[in-house]
N, C-alpha and C. Protein backbone atom coordinates (compact mmCIF):
# COMPACT_ATOMS: atom_id res chain seq x y z
N UNK A 1 -165.27 -31.72 26.91
CA UNK A 1 -164.44 -32.89 27.00
C UNK A 1 -163.13 -32.64 26.26
N UNK A 2 -162.10 -33.24 26.77
CA UNK A 2 -160.79 -33.16 26.14
C UNK A 2 -160.69 -34.25 25.06
N UNK A 3 -159.73 -34.08 24.15
CA UNK A 3 -159.60 -35.02 23.04
C UNK A 3 -159.33 -36.45 23.52
N UNK A 4 -158.50 -36.61 24.54
CA UNK A 4 -158.18 -37.95 25.02
C UNK A 4 -159.41 -38.63 25.63
N UNK A 5 -160.32 -37.83 26.20
CA UNK A 5 -161.54 -38.40 26.77
C UNK A 5 -162.48 -38.87 25.66
N UNK A 6 -162.56 -38.09 24.59
CA UNK A 6 -163.42 -38.46 23.46
C UNK A 6 -162.91 -39.73 22.80
N UNK A 7 -161.58 -39.84 22.64
CA UNK A 7 -161.00 -41.04 22.04
C UNK A 7 -161.38 -42.27 22.86
N UNK A 8 -161.26 -42.19 24.15
CA UNK A 8 -161.58 -43.34 25.00
C UNK A 8 -163.08 -43.64 25.00
N UNK A 9 -163.90 -42.60 24.96
CA UNK A 9 -165.34 -42.78 24.89
C UNK A 9 -165.75 -43.50 23.60
N UNK A 10 -165.20 -43.05 22.49
CA UNK A 10 -165.52 -43.66 21.19
C UNK A 10 -165.00 -45.09 21.13
N UNK A 11 -163.77 -45.31 21.60
CA UNK A 11 -163.19 -46.66 21.57
C UNK A 11 -164.03 -47.62 22.43
N UNK A 12 -164.40 -47.20 23.61
CA UNK A 12 -165.23 -48.04 24.48
C UNK A 12 -166.58 -48.34 23.86
N UNK A 13 -167.18 -47.34 23.24
CA UNK A 13 -168.47 -47.53 22.58
C UNK A 13 -168.35 -48.51 21.42
N UNK A 14 -167.29 -48.35 20.59
CA UNK A 14 -167.08 -49.26 19.46
C UNK A 14 -166.86 -50.69 19.94
N UNK A 15 -166.10 -50.87 21.01
CA UNK A 15 -165.83 -52.21 21.51
C UNK A 15 -167.12 -52.87 22.01
N UNK A 16 -167.88 -52.16 22.81
CA UNK A 16 -169.12 -52.74 23.34
C UNK A 16 -170.13 -53.02 22.23
N UNK A 17 -170.26 -52.11 21.28
CA UNK A 17 -171.20 -52.30 20.18
C UNK A 17 -170.79 -53.47 19.29
N UNK A 18 -169.49 -53.54 18.96
CA UNK A 18 -169.05 -54.62 18.08
C UNK A 18 -169.14 -55.98 18.78
N UNK A 19 -168.94 -56.02 20.09
CA UNK A 19 -169.15 -57.27 20.82
C UNK A 19 -170.62 -57.67 20.78
N UNK A 20 -171.50 -56.71 20.97
CA UNK A 20 -172.93 -57.01 20.94
C UNK A 20 -173.36 -57.51 19.55
N UNK A 21 -172.75 -56.97 18.51
CA UNK A 21 -173.09 -57.39 17.15
C UNK A 21 -172.41 -58.69 16.74
N UNK A 22 -171.35 -59.08 17.46
CA UNK A 22 -170.57 -60.24 17.05
C UNK A 22 -170.72 -61.49 17.88
N UNK A 23 -171.36 -61.40 19.04
CA UNK A 23 -171.53 -62.57 19.91
C UNK A 23 -172.91 -63.18 19.64
N UNK A 24 -172.91 -64.46 19.35
CA UNK A 24 -174.14 -65.13 18.90
C UNK A 24 -175.29 -65.09 19.90
N UNK A 25 -175.01 -65.04 21.18
CA UNK A 25 -176.08 -65.02 22.18
C UNK A 25 -176.67 -63.62 22.39
N UNK A 26 -176.13 -62.63 21.71
CA UNK A 26 -176.61 -61.26 21.85
C UNK A 26 -177.94 -61.08 21.11
N UNK A 27 -178.84 -60.28 21.66
CA UNK A 27 -180.12 -60.05 20.97
C UNK A 27 -179.98 -59.25 19.68
N UNK A 28 -178.85 -58.58 19.49
CA UNK A 28 -178.66 -57.81 18.25
C UNK A 28 -177.53 -58.40 17.40
N UNK A 29 -177.30 -59.71 17.54
CA UNK A 29 -176.25 -60.40 16.78
C UNK A 29 -176.46 -60.21 15.28
N UNK A 30 -175.37 -59.93 14.57
CA UNK A 30 -175.40 -59.80 13.12
C UNK A 30 -174.48 -60.83 12.49
N UNK A 31 -173.21 -60.80 12.88
CA UNK A 31 -172.22 -61.70 12.30
C UNK A 31 -171.02 -61.79 13.23
N UNK A 32 -170.38 -62.94 13.28
CA UNK A 32 -169.17 -63.05 14.12
C UNK A 32 -168.02 -62.20 13.58
N UNK A 33 -168.11 -61.73 12.36
CA UNK A 33 -167.07 -60.88 11.78
C UNK A 33 -166.97 -59.54 12.49
N UNK A 34 -167.99 -59.15 13.25
CA UNK A 34 -167.90 -57.92 14.03
C UNK A 34 -166.81 -58.00 15.09
N UNK A 35 -166.45 -59.22 15.49
CA UNK A 35 -165.38 -59.38 16.47
C UNK A 35 -164.03 -58.94 15.89
N UNK A 36 -163.90 -58.96 14.57
CA UNK A 36 -162.68 -58.45 13.94
C UNK A 36 -162.57 -56.94 14.17
N UNK A 37 -163.68 -56.25 14.19
CA UNK A 37 -163.67 -54.81 14.47
C UNK A 37 -163.24 -54.56 15.91
N UNK A 38 -163.67 -55.42 16.83
CA UNK A 38 -163.24 -55.32 18.22
C UNK A 38 -161.72 -55.45 18.30
N UNK A 39 -161.17 -56.42 17.59
CA UNK A 39 -159.72 -56.62 17.57
C UNK A 39 -159.02 -55.42 16.95
N UNK A 40 -159.59 -54.83 15.91
CA UNK A 40 -159.01 -53.65 15.27
C UNK A 40 -158.93 -52.47 16.24
N UNK A 41 -159.98 -52.23 16.98
CA UNK A 41 -159.99 -51.14 17.96
C UNK A 41 -158.96 -51.41 19.05
N UNK A 42 -158.89 -52.64 19.52
CA UNK A 42 -157.91 -53.00 20.53
C UNK A 42 -156.48 -52.82 20.03
N UNK A 43 -156.24 -53.21 18.79
CA UNK A 43 -154.90 -53.05 18.20
C UNK A 43 -154.54 -51.57 18.07
N UNK A 44 -155.50 -50.74 17.73
CA UNK A 44 -155.24 -49.31 17.63
C UNK A 44 -154.94 -48.70 18.99
N UNK A 45 -155.63 -49.16 20.02
CA UNK A 45 -155.34 -48.68 21.38
C UNK A 45 -153.94 -49.09 21.81
N UNK A 46 -153.57 -50.32 21.50
CA UNK A 46 -152.22 -50.80 21.82
C UNK A 46 -151.17 -49.99 21.06
N UNK A 47 -151.39 -49.76 19.78
CA UNK A 47 -150.46 -48.98 18.97
C UNK A 47 -150.30 -47.58 19.51
N UNK A 48 -151.39 -46.94 19.88
CA UNK A 48 -151.30 -45.56 20.37
C UNK A 48 -150.59 -45.49 21.72
N UNK A 49 -150.71 -46.54 22.53
CA UNK A 49 -150.00 -46.56 23.81
C UNK A 49 -148.50 -46.71 23.60
N UNK A 50 -148.10 -47.50 22.61
CA UNK A 50 -146.68 -47.73 22.36
C UNK A 50 -146.01 -46.59 21.61
N UNK A 51 -146.73 -45.97 20.68
CA UNK A 51 -146.13 -44.91 19.85
C UNK A 51 -146.44 -43.50 20.36
N UNK A 52 -147.38 -43.41 21.30
CA UNK A 52 -147.84 -42.12 21.83
C UNK A 52 -148.42 -41.22 20.73
N UNK A 53 -149.03 -41.85 19.72
CA UNK A 53 -149.69 -41.12 18.64
C UNK A 53 -151.01 -41.80 18.31
N UNK A 54 -152.06 -41.00 18.18
CA UNK A 54 -153.39 -41.52 17.86
C UNK A 54 -153.98 -40.64 16.76
N UNK A 55 -154.34 -41.26 15.64
CA UNK A 55 -154.89 -40.50 14.51
C UNK A 55 -156.17 -39.76 14.90
N UNK A 56 -157.06 -40.43 15.62
CA UNK A 56 -158.31 -39.78 15.99
C UNK A 56 -158.08 -38.56 16.88
N UNK A 57 -157.13 -38.67 17.79
CA UNK A 57 -156.83 -37.53 18.66
C UNK A 57 -156.25 -36.37 17.84
N UNK A 58 -155.44 -36.68 16.85
CA UNK A 58 -154.89 -35.64 15.97
C UNK A 58 -156.01 -34.94 15.19
N UNK A 59 -156.95 -35.72 14.70
CA UNK A 59 -158.08 -35.16 13.96
C UNK A 59 -158.93 -34.29 14.88
N UNK A 60 -159.20 -34.76 16.08
CA UNK A 60 -160.00 -33.98 17.03
C UNK A 60 -159.33 -32.64 17.37
N UNK A 61 -158.02 -32.66 17.53
CA UNK A 61 -157.31 -31.41 17.82
C UNK A 61 -157.42 -30.43 16.67
N UNK A 62 -157.34 -30.94 15.42
CA UNK A 62 -157.47 -30.07 14.25
C UNK A 62 -158.89 -29.50 14.15
N UNK A 63 -159.86 -30.22 14.71
CA UNK A 63 -161.24 -29.73 14.72
C UNK A 63 -161.50 -28.75 15.87
N UNK A 64 -160.45 -28.53 16.67
CA UNK A 64 -160.59 -27.53 17.73
C UNK A 64 -160.89 -28.08 19.11
N UNK A 65 -160.89 -29.40 19.25
CA UNK A 65 -161.13 -29.99 20.56
C UNK A 65 -159.89 -29.81 21.39
N UNK A 66 -160.07 -29.42 22.64
CA UNK A 66 -158.94 -29.14 23.54
C UNK A 66 -158.25 -30.45 23.93
N UNK A 67 -156.92 -30.42 23.92
CA UNK A 67 -156.16 -31.59 24.38
C UNK A 67 -155.66 -31.33 25.80
N UNK A 68 -155.00 -32.31 26.38
CA UNK A 68 -154.45 -32.13 27.72
C UNK A 68 -155.13 -32.99 28.74
N UNK A 69 -154.64 -32.87 29.98
CA UNK A 69 -155.14 -33.71 31.07
C UNK A 69 -156.42 -33.23 31.62
């Protein structure tokens, strides 16, 4: 997998998991504060789209993960 694919995979996983933990009707509900984590991930995705820089992608590249299309 390329670094951009891993970033999207992790972001999608975090969003779905935090929604499951933050919505009261979910069988694994913990606290509505998990929805703040969903907003944080969304804000980071928005920031990376506007600035064309993503910290996680930079870290993955330093770990040797291939970047590119």
